[in-house]
Amino acid sequence: MPQLDTSTWFITIMSMIMTLFIVFQLKISKHLYPGNLEPKLTVTLKQLNPWEKKWTKIYSPLSLPQQ
């Protein structure tokens, strides 16, 4: 049974790692990052939901009269 030749595995793996590193560096370098990193103030509008307009009473099972 022939032996598996593993002499080129190191070079192959290292070249793949270097290629992935270079590709990711090129992808990251194409992004434009904002210069001003201060948070923006946003105004939130309060929207009333139908269940917030009226008062509803919730009965606890312990407060109901015994049957």
N, C-alpha and C. Protein backbone atom coordinates (compact mmCIF):
# COMPACT_ATOMS: atom_id res chain seq x y z
N MET A 1 0.84 -1.18 0.00
CA MET A 1 0.00 0.00 0.00
C MET A 1 0.89 1.25 0.00
N PRO A 2 0.65 2.22 -0.91
CA PRO A 2 1.54 3.38 -1.00
C PRO A 2 1.35 4.34 0.19
N GLN A 3 2.41 5.01 0.52
CA GLN A 3 2.37 5.99 1.61
C GLN A 3 1.80 7.32 1.10
N LEU A 4 1.15 8.02 2.00
CA LEU A 4 0.62 9.34 1.65
C LEU A 4 1.74 10.37 1.76
N ASP A 5 1.95 11.09 0.67
CA ASP A 5 3.04 12.08 0.65
C ASP A 5 2.57 13.36 1.33
N THR A 6 3.12 13.67 2.49
CA THR A 6 2.72 14.86 3.25
C THR A 6 3.78 15.94 3.22
N SER A 7 4.75 15.83 2.34
CA SER A 7 5.86 16.79 2.34
C SER A 7 5.42 18.19 1.90
N THR A 8 4.36 18.30 1.11
CA THR A 8 3.94 19.63 0.62
C THR A 8 2.80 20.23 1.45
N TRP A 9 2.35 19.53 2.48
CA TRP A 9 1.22 20.03 3.25
C TRP A 9 1.54 21.34 3.97
N PHE A 10 2.73 21.44 4.53
CA PHE A 10 3.09 22.65 5.28
C PHE A 10 3.05 23.87 4.38
N ILE A 11 3.66 23.76 3.21
CA ILE A 11 3.68 24.90 2.27
C ILE A 11 2.26 25.23 1.82
N THR A 12 1.44 24.22 1.57
CA THR A 12 0.07 24.45 1.12
C THR A 12 -0.75 25.15 2.19
N ILE A 13 -0.65 24.68 3.42
CA ILE A 13 -1.42 25.28 4.51
C ILE A 13 -0.95 26.70 4.78
N MET A 14 0.35 26.93 4.80
CA MET A 14 0.86 28.27 5.06
C MET A 14 0.47 29.24 3.94
N SER A 15 0.50 28.79 2.71
CA SER A 15 0.11 29.70 1.62
C SER A 15 -1.38 30.00 1.67
N MET A 16 -2.21 29.03 2.09
CA MET A 16 -3.64 29.31 2.23
C MET A 16 -3.89 30.32 3.35
N ILE A 17 -3.19 30.18 4.46
CA ILE A 17 -3.36 31.13 5.57
C ILE A 17 -2.93 32.53 5.16
N MET A 18 -1.80 32.63 4.46
CA MET A 18 -1.34 33.95 4.00
C MET A 18 -2.32 34.55 3.00
N THR A 19 -2.85 33.75 2.12
CA THR A 19 -3.81 34.25 1.13
C THR A 19 -5.08 34.75 1.81
N LEU A 20 -5.59 33.99 2.78
CA LEU A 20 -6.77 34.43 3.51
C LEU A 20 -6.51 35.73 4.26
N PHE A 21 -5.35 35.84 4.87
CA PHE A 21 -5.00 37.06 5.59
C PHE A 21 -4.98 38.25 4.64
N ILE A 22 -4.35 38.09 3.49
CA ILE A 22 -4.26 39.20 2.53
C ILE A 22 -5.65 39.57 2.00
N VAL A 23 -6.48 38.58 1.72
CA VAL A 23 -7.82 38.86 1.20
C VAL A 23 -8.64 39.62 2.24
N PHE A 24 -8.57 39.19 3.50
CA PHE A 24 -9.33 39.89 4.54
C PHE A 24 -8.79 41.30 4.77
N GLN A 25 -7.48 41.48 4.71
CA GLN A 25 -6.93 42.82 4.86
C GLN A 25 -7.41 43.73 3.73
N LEU A 26 -7.47 43.22 2.53
CA LEU A 26 -7.95 44.04 1.41
C LEU A 26 -9.43 44.36 1.56
N LYS A 27 -10.21 43.40 2.05
CA LYS A 27 -11.64 43.67 2.25
C LYS A 27 -11.85 44.73 3.33
N ILE A 28 -11.11 44.62 4.42
CA ILE A 28 -11.27 45.57 5.52
C ILE A 28 -10.80 46.96 5.11
N SER A 29 -9.74 47.04 4.31
CA SER A 29 -9.19 48.35 3.94
C SER A 29 -10.12 49.12 3.01
N LYS A 30 -11.08 48.47 2.37
CA LYS A 30 -11.99 49.17 1.46
C LYS A 30 -13.17 49.82 2.17
N HIS A 31 -13.34 49.54 3.47
CA HIS A 31 -14.44 50.13 4.21
C HIS A 31 -14.11 51.57 4.59
N LEU A 32 -15.12 52.42 4.55
CA LEU A 32 -14.96 53.80 4.98
C LEU A 32 -15.53 53.94 6.38
N TYR A 33 -14.68 54.33 7.31
CA TYR A 33 -15.10 54.49 8.69
C TYR A 33 -15.33 55.96 8.99
N PRO A 34 -16.36 56.28 9.79
CA PRO A 34 -16.64 57.69 10.09
C PRO A 34 -15.54 58.28 10.98
N GLY A 35 -15.24 59.56 10.76
CA GLY A 35 -14.22 60.22 11.56
C GLY A 35 -14.74 60.64 12.92
N ASN A 36 -16.01 61.04 12.98
CA ASN A 36 -16.61 61.50 14.24
C ASN A 36 -17.34 60.33 14.88
N LEU A 37 -16.84 59.87 16.03
CA LEU A 37 -17.42 58.71 16.67
C LEU A 37 -18.33 59.05 17.84
N GLU A 38 -18.79 60.33 17.93
CA GLU A 38 -19.69 60.72 19.00
C GLU A 38 -21.10 60.21 18.71
N PRO A 39 -21.82 59.77 19.74
CA PRO A 39 -23.19 59.29 19.49
C PRO A 39 -24.12 60.42 19.08
N LYS A 40 -25.02 60.11 18.19
CA LYS A 40 -25.99 61.10 17.73
C LYS A 40 -27.19 61.08 18.65
N LEU A 41 -27.76 62.25 18.87
CA LEU A 41 -28.97 62.35 19.68
C LEU A 41 -30.18 62.13 18.78
N THR A 42 -30.98 61.16 19.11
CA THR A 42 -32.18 60.88 18.33
C THR A 42 -33.40 61.12 19.19
N VAL A 43 -34.42 61.66 18.57
CA VAL A 43 -35.67 61.93 19.27
C VAL A 43 -36.61 60.77 19.00
N THR A 44 -37.08 60.14 20.06
CA THR A 44 -38.01 59.03 19.90
C THR A 44 -39.42 59.53 20.12
N LEU A 45 -40.30 59.14 19.24
CA LEU A 45 -41.70 59.52 19.36
C LEU A 45 -42.45 58.43 20.11
N LYS A 46 -43.23 58.85 21.09
CA LYS A 46 -44.01 57.90 21.89
C LYS A 46 -45.29 57.58 21.13
N GLN A 47 -45.46 56.31 20.80
CA GLN A 47 -46.67 55.88 20.12
C GLN A 47 -47.56 55.16 21.12
N LEU A 48 -48.81 55.57 21.17
CA LEU A 48 -49.74 54.94 22.08
C LEU A 48 -50.34 53.69 21.44
N ASN A 49 -50.24 52.60 22.13
CA ASN A 49 -50.85 51.37 21.67
C ASN A 49 -52.28 51.32 22.17
N PRO A 50 -53.15 50.56 21.53
CA PRO A 50 -54.55 50.52 21.97
C PRO A 50 -54.71 50.11 23.42
N TRP A 51 -53.86 49.22 23.92
CA TRP A 51 -54.01 48.79 25.30
C TRP A 51 -53.45 49.80 26.29
N GLU A 52 -52.74 50.83 25.82
CA GLU A 52 -52.25 51.86 26.71
C GLU A 52 -53.26 53.00 26.88
N LYS A 53 -54.28 53.06 26.02
CA LYS A 53 -55.25 54.15 26.08
C LYS A 53 -56.29 53.95 27.16
N LYS A 54 -56.57 52.72 27.50
CA LYS A 54 -57.62 52.48 28.49
C LYS A 54 -57.05 51.67 29.65
N TRP A 55 -57.69 51.81 30.79
CA TRP A 55 -57.26 51.13 31.99
C TRP A 55 -57.97 49.79 32.07
N THR A 56 -57.24 48.74 32.29
CA THR A 56 -57.85 47.43 32.45
C THR A 56 -57.45 46.87 33.80
N LYS A 57 -58.38 46.20 34.41
CA LYS A 57 -58.11 45.60 35.71
C LYS A 57 -57.77 44.13 35.50
N ILE A 58 -56.68 43.72 36.10
CA ILE A 58 -56.26 42.34 36.01
C ILE A 58 -56.55 41.68 37.34
N TYR A 59 -57.31 40.60 37.30
CA TYR A 59 -57.67 39.90 38.52
C TYR A 59 -56.69 38.77 38.79
N SER A 60 -56.18 38.77 39.98
CA SER A 60 -55.32 37.67 40.40
C SER A 60 -56.20 36.51 40.81
N PRO A 61 -55.80 35.27 40.51
CA PRO A 61 -56.64 34.13 40.90
C PRO A 61 -56.87 34.05 42.41
N LEU A 62 -55.94 34.57 43.19
CA LEU A 62 -56.09 34.49 44.65
C LEU A 62 -57.10 35.52 45.18
N SER A 63 -57.34 36.60 44.41
CA SER A 63 -58.26 37.64 44.88
C SER A 63 -59.70 37.39 44.46
N LEU A 64 -59.93 36.37 43.63
CA LEU A 64 -61.29 36.06 43.21
C LEU A 64 -62.05 35.37 44.35
N PRO A 65 -63.36 35.52 44.39
CA PRO A 65 -64.11 34.84 45.44
C PRO A 65 -64.05 33.32 45.27
N GLN A 66 -64.09 32.66 46.38
CA GLN A 66 -64.02 31.19 46.37
C GLN A 66 -65.31 30.63 45.80
N GLN A 67 -65.19 29.57 45.04
CA GLN A 67 -66.38 28.97 44.43
C GLN A 67 -66.87 27.80 45.24
